[in-house]
Amino acid sequence: EKAPGKTARKVLQGDPETYRSAMGALAEVEMDVLLGVDASGAARPVPLHANPDFHDGQVLIDPDSRTVTLLDFGQAVPLSNSERDYGIELLEILGRAADAESAARRLNERAPQGAEAIRPEELSSLLERGEPMDAFVRLLGLMEQKGNPVPLGTVHWVLAVNRQRALGAKIGKPVERALKGLVLTRHLGGSLKAYNHLRLA
């Protein structure tokens, strides 16, 4: 059955206010999902999914019926709490909130038996080059090479967060402050549940 409306990108051309309203509401729901908050609104994170392909080309908006439809979950994968936690840890590393020595130690602690250890100098060199997502791709390659691949759910979670960054900039609701708060909470030893409490208050 065909969903009603036009793609959000087309709506943006003729009605930017409706675009920002609809995409802003969807972005909030998507951020809840990424942080493990389901329809109950409880702060304790639960396993959900990660969709790395959420963008305004995958959304239909019908202003007449006030209907918004999100399309194409083909790249979405189930996400466990531990995979989400790993993703948050990678955000901290990519944002250089942790020094190379402690970051390498934490990554190596997750490695399966027989994996080759990542050296701090390797990690430092990798993180110093380019944008965070470029560094993320190189980090994935390095960890695969070392026999310590990142779980697919974690990879898709990090990519989905990056989609949120791009959409937030486009609709005038940047998410950088929220992500920095998340990373800082975890860096200081706080839980995702504690962060969600603060975010949802």
C-alpha atoms as a PDB file:
ATOM      1  CA  GLU A   1       0.000   0.000   0.000  1.00  0.00           C
ATOM      2  CA  LYS A   2       1.377   3.375  -0.992  1.00  0.00           C
ATOM      3  CA  ALA A   3       1.917   5.820   1.873  1.00  0.00           C
ATOM      4  CA  PRO A   4       0.474   9.305   1.373  1.00  0.00           C
ATOM      5  CA  GLY A   5       2.458  12.490   0.816  1.00  0.00           C
ATOM      6  CA  LYS A   6       5.683  13.660  -0.792  1.00  0.00           C
ATOM      7  CA  THR A   7       9.266  13.059   0.214  1.00  0.00           C
ATOM      8  CA  ALA A   8      10.461  15.393   2.939  1.00  0.00           C
ATOM      9  CA  ARG A   9      13.072  16.816   0.560  1.00  0.00           C
ATOM     10  CA  LYS A  10      10.311  17.943  -1.823  1.00  0.00           C
ATOM     11  CA  VAL A  11       8.278  19.370   1.065  1.00  0.00           C
ATOM     12  CA  LEU A  12      11.338  21.385   2.113  1.00  0.00           C
ATOM     13  CA  GLN A  13      11.331  23.192  -1.239  1.00  0.00           C
ATOM     14  CA  GLY A  14       7.763  24.479  -0.883  1.00  0.00           C
ATOM     15  CA  ASP A  15       7.022  24.402   2.830  1.00  0.00           C
ATOM     16  CA  PRO A  16      10.158  24.568   4.990  1.00  0.00           C
ATOM     17  CA  GLU A  17       8.156  25.138   8.180  1.00  0.00           C
ATOM     18  CA  THR A  18       6.246  21.874   7.779  1.00  0.00           C
ATOM     19  CA  TYR A  19       9.505  20.148   6.887  1.00  0.00           C
ATOM     20  CA  ARG A  20      11.257  21.350  10.033  1.00  0.00           C
ATOM     21  CA  SER A  21       8.272  20.473  12.229  1.00  0.00           C
ATOM     22  CA  ALA A  22       7.864  16.944  10.854  1.00  0.00           C
ATOM     23  CA  MET A  23      11.559  16.108  10.622  1.00  0.00           C
ATOM     24  CA  GLY A  24      12.176  17.607  14.066  1.00  0.00           C
ATOM     25  CA  ALA A  25       9.547  15.318  15.584  1.00  0.00           C
ATOM     26  CA  LEU A  26      11.004  12.292  13.786  1.00  0.00           C
ATOM     27  CA  ALA A  27      14.535  13.219  14.832  1.00  0.00           C
ATOM     28  CA  GLU A  28      13.443  13.248  18.485  1.00  0.00           C
ATOM     29  CA  VAL A  29      11.863   9.811  18.153  1.00  0.00           C
ATOM     30  CA  GLU A  30      14.943   8.487  16.379  1.00  0.00           C
ATOM     31  CA  MET A  31      17.240   9.836  19.094  1.00  0.00           C
ATOM     32  CA  ASP A  32      15.061   8.148  21.719  1.00  0.00           C
ATOM     33  CA  VAL A  33      15.430   4.848  19.847  1.00  0.00           C
ATOM     34  CA  LEU A  34      19.203   5.260  19.571  1.00  0.00           C
ATOM     35  CA  LEU A  35      19.417   5.867  23.330  1.00  0.00           C
ATOM     36  CA  GLY A  36      17.222   2.879  24.172  1.00  0.00           C
ATOM     37  CA  VAL A  37      14.056   4.780  25.102  1.00  0.00           C
ATOM     38  CA  ASP A  38      10.960   2.959  23.835  1.00  0.00           C
ATOM     39  CA  ALA A  39       7.313   4.080  23.658  1.00  0.00           C
ATOM     40  CA  SER A  40       6.997   3.777  27.447  1.00  0.00           C
ATOM     41  CA  GLY A  41       9.339   6.729  27.859  1.00  0.00           C
ATOM     42  CA  ALA A  42      11.299   4.986  30.632  1.00  0.00           C
ATOM     43  CA  ALA A  43      14.896   6.108  31.141  1.00  0.00           C
ATOM     44  CA  ARG A  44      16.292   2.585  31.529  1.00  0.00           C
ATOM     45  CA  PRO A  45      17.649   1.655  28.063  1.00  0.00           C
ATOM     46  CA  VAL A  46      16.158  -1.377  26.328  1.00  0.00           C
ATOM     47  CA  PRO A  47      17.294  -3.315  23.247  1.00  0.00           C
ATOM     48  CA  LEU A  48      15.773  -1.760  20.107  1.00  0.00           C
ATOM     49  CA  HIS A  49      17.305  -1.241  16.661  1.00  0.00           C
ATOM     50  CA  ALA A  50      19.779   0.942  14.776  1.00  0.00           C
ATOM     51  CA  ASN A  51      18.860   2.360  11.372  1.00  0.00           C
ATOM     52  CA  PRO A  52      21.879   3.949   9.652  1.00  0.00           C
ATOM     53  CA  ASP A  53      19.779   5.032   6.653  1.00  0.00           C
ATOM     54  CA  PHE A  54      17.405   7.502   8.342  1.00  0.00           C
ATOM     55  CA  HIS A  55      17.342  10.742   6.322  1.00  0.00           C
ATOM     56  CA  ASP A  56      14.839  13.065   4.682  1.00  0.00           C
ATOM     57  CA  GLY A  57      14.826  11.104   1.438  1.00  0.00           C
ATOM     58  CA  GLN A  58      13.307   8.191   3.371  1.00  0.00           C
ATOM     59  CA  VAL A  59      10.398  10.167   4.812  1.00  0.00           C
ATOM     60  CA  LEU A  60       6.998  10.980   3.295  1.00  0.00           C
ATOM     61  CA  ILE A  61       5.043  13.963   4.616  1.00  0.00           C
ATOM     62  CA  ASP A  62       1.347  14.529   3.934  1.00  0.00           C
ATOM     63  CA  PRO A  63       0.401  17.943   5.399  1.00  0.00           C
ATOM     64  CA  ASP A  64      -3.302  17.459   4.612  1.00  0.00           C
ATOM     65  CA  SER A  65      -3.684  14.345   6.773  1.00  0.00           C
ATOM     66  CA  ARG A  66      -0.809  15.350   9.105  1.00  0.00           C
ATOM     67  CA  THR A  67       0.796  11.977   8.372  1.00  0.00           C
ATOM     68  CA  VAL A  68       4.521  11.288   8.424  1.00  0.00           C
ATOM     69  CA  THR A  69       5.790   7.933   7.139  1.00  0.00           C
ATOM     70  CA  LEU A  70       9.311   6.612   7.583  1.00  0.00           C
ATOM     71  CA  LEU A  71      10.355   4.295   4.742  1.00  0.00           C
ATOM     72  CA  ASP A  72      12.937   1.616   4.060  1.00  0.00           C
ATOM     73  CA  PHE A  73      14.204  -0.164   7.135  1.00  0.00           C
ATOM     74  CA  GLY A  74      16.342  -2.430   4.940  1.00  0.00           C
ATOM     75  CA  GLN A  75      19.572  -1.486   6.715  1.00  0.00           C
ATOM     76  CA  ALA A  76      18.112  -1.464  10.246  1.00  0.00           C
ATOM     77  CA  VAL A  77      19.457  -4.154  12.566  1.00  0.00           C
ATOM     78  CA  PRO A  78      18.484  -5.293  16.079  1.00  0.00           C
ATOM     79  CA  LEU A  79      20.554  -3.535  18.726  1.00  0.00           C
ATOM     80  CA  SER A  80      21.421  -4.931  22.153  1.00  0.00           C
ATOM     81  CA  ASN A  81      22.232  -2.761  25.151  1.00  0.00           C
ATOM     82  CA  SER A  82      25.848  -3.942  25.072  1.00  0.00           C
ATOM     83  CA  GLU A  83      26.199  -3.015  21.374  1.00  0.00           C
ATOM     84  CA  ARG A  84      24.795   0.442  22.147  1.00  0.00           C
ATOM     85  CA  ASP A  85      27.218   0.837  25.064  1.00  0.00           C
ATOM     86  CA  TYR A  86      30.091  -0.089  22.761  1.00  0.00           C
ATOM     87  CA  GLY A  87      28.892   2.561  20.302  1.00  0.00           C
ATOM     88  CA  ILE A  88      28.906   5.218  23.037  1.00  0.00           C
ATOM     89  CA  GLU A  89      32.435   4.155  23.966  1.00  0.00           C
ATOM     90  CA  LEU A  90      33.495   4.550  20.328  1.00  0.00           C
ATOM     91  CA  LEU A  91      31.941   8.041  20.238  1.00  0.00           C
ATOM     92  CA  GLU A  92      34.071   8.918  23.249  1.00  0.00           C
ATOM     93  CA  ILE A  93      37.203   7.589  21.536  1.00  0.00           C
ATOM     94  CA  LEU A  94      36.432   9.260  18.200  1.00  0.00           C
ATOM     95  CA  GLY A  95      35.744  12.536  19.984  1.00  0.00           C
ATOM     96  CA  ARG A  96      39.113  12.186  21.725  1.00  0.00           C
ATOM     97  CA  ALA A  97      37.542  12.380  25.166  1.00  0.00           C
ATOM     98  CA  ALA A  98      39.863   9.518  26.123  1.00  0.00           C
ATOM     99  CA  ASP A  99      43.636   9.506  25.584  1.00  0.00           C
ATOM    100  CA  ALA A 100      45.092   6.994  23.147  1.00  0.00           C
ATOM    101  CA  GLU A 101      46.544   4.763  25.866  1.00  0.00           C
ATOM    102  CA  SER A 102      43.277   4.323  27.779  1.00  0.00           C
ATOM    103  CA  ALA A 103      41.286   4.056  24.532  1.00  0.00           C
ATOM    104  CA  ALA A 104      43.555   1.285  23.220  1.00  0.00           C
ATOM    105  CA  ARG A 105      43.311  -0.533  26.560  1.00  0.00           C
ATOM    106  CA  ARG A 106      39.508  -0.409  26.505  1.00  0.00           C
ATOM    107  CA  LEU A 107      39.314  -1.644  22.921  1.00  0.00           C
ATOM    108  CA  ASN A 108      41.736  -4.465  23.692  1.00  0.00           C
ATOM    109  CA  GLU A 109      39.676  -5.490  26.729  1.00  0.00           C
ATOM    110  CA  ARG A 110      36.802  -6.200  24.337  1.00  0.00           C
ATOM    111  CA  ALA A 111      38.946  -8.298  22.020  1.00  0.00           C
ATOM    112  CA  PRO A 112      38.300 -12.023  21.644  1.00  0.00           C
ATOM    113  CA  GLN A 113      41.011 -14.457  22.649  1.00  0.00           C
ATOM    114  CA  GLY A 114      43.778 -14.576  20.052  1.00  0.00           C
ATOM    115  CA  ALA A 115      43.232 -11.057  18.718  1.00  0.00           C
ATOM    116  CA  GLU A 116      46.264  -8.869  18.198  1.00  0.00           C
ATOM    117  CA  ALA A 117      46.425  -5.877  20.561  1.00  0.00           C
ATOM    118  CA  ILE A 118      45.931  -2.360  19.232  1.00  0.00           C
ATOM    119  CA  ARG A 119      48.885  -0.162  20.179  1.00  0.00           C
ATOM    120  CA  PRO A 120      48.211   3.370  21.508  1.00  0.00           C
ATOM    121  CA  GLU A 121      50.434   4.911  18.827  1.00  0.00           C
ATOM    122  CA  GLU A 122      48.397   3.190  16.105  1.00  0.00           C
ATOM    123  CA  LEU A 123      45.204   4.594  17.560  1.00  0.00           C
ATOM    124  CA  SER A 124      46.652   8.065  18.052  1.00  0.00           C
ATOM    125  CA  SER A 125      47.855   8.221  14.437  1.00  0.00           C
ATOM    126  CA  LEU A 126      44.483   7.035  13.166  1.00  0.00           C
ATOM    127  CA  LEU A 127      42.441   9.556  15.185  1.00  0.00           C
ATOM    128  CA  GLU A 128      44.575  12.539  14.211  1.00  0.00           C
ATOM    129  CA  ARG A 129      43.691  12.279  10.524  1.00  0.00           C
ATOM    130  CA  GLY A 130      40.466  13.647   9.076  1.00  0.00           C
ATOM    131  CA  GLU A 131      36.900  13.900  10.308  1.00  0.00           C
ATOM    132  CA  PRO A 132      35.474  11.578  13.018  1.00  0.00           C
ATOM    133  CA  MET A 133      33.599   9.417  10.488  1.00  0.00           C
ATOM    134  CA  ASP A 134      36.755   9.020   8.395  1.00  0.00           C
ATOM    135  CA  ALA A 135      38.558   7.984  11.560  1.00  0.00           C
ATOM    136  CA  PHE A 136      35.701   5.588  12.365  1.00  0.00           C
ATOM    137  CA  VAL A 137      36.038   3.820   9.014  1.00  0.00           C
ATOM    138  CA  ARG A 138      39.798   3.492   9.502  1.00  0.00           C
ATOM    139  CA  LEU A 139      39.254   2.241  13.060  1.00  0.00           C
ATOM    140  CA  LEU A 140      36.874  -0.446  11.788  1.00  0.00           C
ATOM    141  CA  GLY A 141      39.519  -1.559   9.301  1.00  0.00           C
ATOM    142  CA  LEU A 142      42.237  -1.652  11.948  1.00  0.00           C
ATOM    143  CA  MET A 143      40.115  -3.654  14.374  1.00  0.00           C
ATOM    144  CA  GLU A 144      39.116  -6.134  11.670  1.00  0.00           C
ATOM    145  CA  GLN A 145      42.778  -6.523  10.795  1.00  0.00           C
ATOM    146  CA  LYS A 146      43.613  -7.203  14.436  1.00  0.00           C
ATOM    147  CA  GLY A 147      40.952  -9.908  14.728  1.00  0.00           C
ATOM    148  CA  ASN A 148      38.684  -7.740  16.885  1.00  0.00           C
ATOM    149  CA  PRO A 149      35.810  -6.721  14.569  1.00  0.00           C
ATOM    150  CA  VAL A 150      33.169  -4.266  15.811  1.00  0.00           C
ATOM    151  CA  PRO A 151      29.648  -5.822  15.981  1.00  0.00           C
ATOM    152  CA  LEU A 152      27.335  -4.788  13.133  1.00  0.00           C
ATOM    153  CA  GLY A 153      24.788  -3.331  15.556  1.00  0.00           C
ATOM    154  CA  THR A 154      27.459  -1.039  17.008  1.00  0.00           C
ATOM    155  CA  VAL A 155      28.632   0.034  13.552  1.00  0.00           C
ATOM    156  CA  HIS A 156      25.083   0.877  12.501  1.00  0.00           C
ATOM    157  CA  TRP A 157      24.456   2.726  15.773  1.00  0.00           C
ATOM    158  CA  VAL A 158      27.459   5.013  15.212  1.00  0.00           C
ATOM    159  CA  LEU A 159      26.397   5.616  11.592  1.00  0.00           C
ATOM    160  CA  ALA A 160      22.846   6.376  12.737  1.00  0.00           C
ATOM    161  CA  VAL A 161      24.155   8.927  15.233  1.00  0.00           C
ATOM    162  CA  ASN A 162      26.050  10.566  12.389  1.00  0.00           C
ATOM    163  CA  ARG A 163      22.786  10.755  10.409  1.00  0.00           C
ATOM    164  CA  GLN A 164      21.280  12.549  13.408  1.00  0.00           C
ATOM    165  CA  ARG A 165      24.129  15.060  13.290  1.00  0.00           C
ATOM    166  CA  ALA A 166      23.467  15.800   9.616  1.00  0.00           C
ATOM    167  CA  LEU A 167      19.695  16.098  10.074  1.00  0.00           C
ATOM    168  CA  GLY A 168      20.042  18.231  13.194  1.00  0.00           C
ATOM    169  CA  ALA A 169      22.161  20.731  11.295  1.00  0.00           C
ATOM    170  CA  LYS A 170      19.626  20.809   8.457  1.00  0.00           C
ATOM    171  CA  ILE A 171      16.578  21.453  10.653  1.00  0.00           C
ATOM    172  CA  GLY A 172      18.314  23.872  12.990  1.00  0.00           C
ATOM    173  CA  LYS A 173      18.395  21.489  15.961  1.00  0.00           C
ATOM    174  CA  PRO A 174      22.031  20.426  16.300  1.00  0.00           C
ATOM    175  CA  VAL A 175      22.645  17.350  18.434  1.00  0.00           C
ATOM    176  CA  GLU A 176      26.312  17.991  19.238  1.00  0.00           C
ATOM    177  CA  ARG A 177      25.564  19.329  22.711  1.00  0.00           C
ATOM    178  CA  ALA A 178      23.436  16.287  23.538  1.00  0.00           C
ATOM    179  CA  LEU A 179      26.125  13.912  22.263  1.00  0.00           C
ATOM    180  CA  LYS A 180      28.820  15.709  24.235  1.00  0.00           C
ATOM    181  CA  GLY A 181      26.623  15.404  27.331  1.00  0.00           C
ATOM    182  CA  LEU A 182      26.215  11.678  26.671  1.00  0.00           C
ATOM    183  CA  VAL A 183      29.949  11.147  26.232  1.00  0.00           C
ATOM    184  CA  LEU A 184      30.767  13.265  29.294  1.00  0.00           C
ATOM    185  CA  THR A 185      28.262  11.364  31.444  1.00  0.00           C
ATOM    186  CA  ARG A 186      29.838   8.059  30.453  1.00  0.00           C
ATOM    187  CA  HIS A 187      33.374   9.430  30.780  1.00  0.00           C
ATOM    188  CA  LEU A 188      32.593  10.404  34.376  1.00  0.00           C
ATOM    189  CA  GLY A 189      31.254   6.935  35.129  1.00  0.00           C
ATOM    190  CA  GLY A 190      27.547   7.681  34.754  1.00  0.00           C
ATOM    191  CA  SER A 191      25.145   5.254  33.115  1.00  0.00           C
ATOM    192  CA  LEU A 192      23.013   5.701  30.012  1.00  0.00           C
ATOM    193  CA  LYS A 193      19.992   5.435  32.302  1.00  0.00           C
ATOM    194  CA  ALA A 194      21.277   8.432  34.286  1.00  0.00           C
ATOM    195  CA  TYR A 195      21.830  10.387  31.082  1.00  0.00           C
ATOM    196  CA  ASN A 196      18.340   9.528  29.833  1.00  0.00           C
ATOM    197  CA  HIS A 197      16.879  10.742  33.122  1.00  0.00           C
ATOM    198  CA  LEU A 198      18.533  14.113  32.588  1.00  0.00           C
ATOM    199  CA  ARG A 199      17.602  14.267  28.911  1.00  0.00           C
ATOM    200  CA  LEU A 200      13.946  13.347  29.451  1.00  0.00           C
ATOM    201  CA  ALA A 201      13.415  15.565  32.506  1.00  0.00           C
END
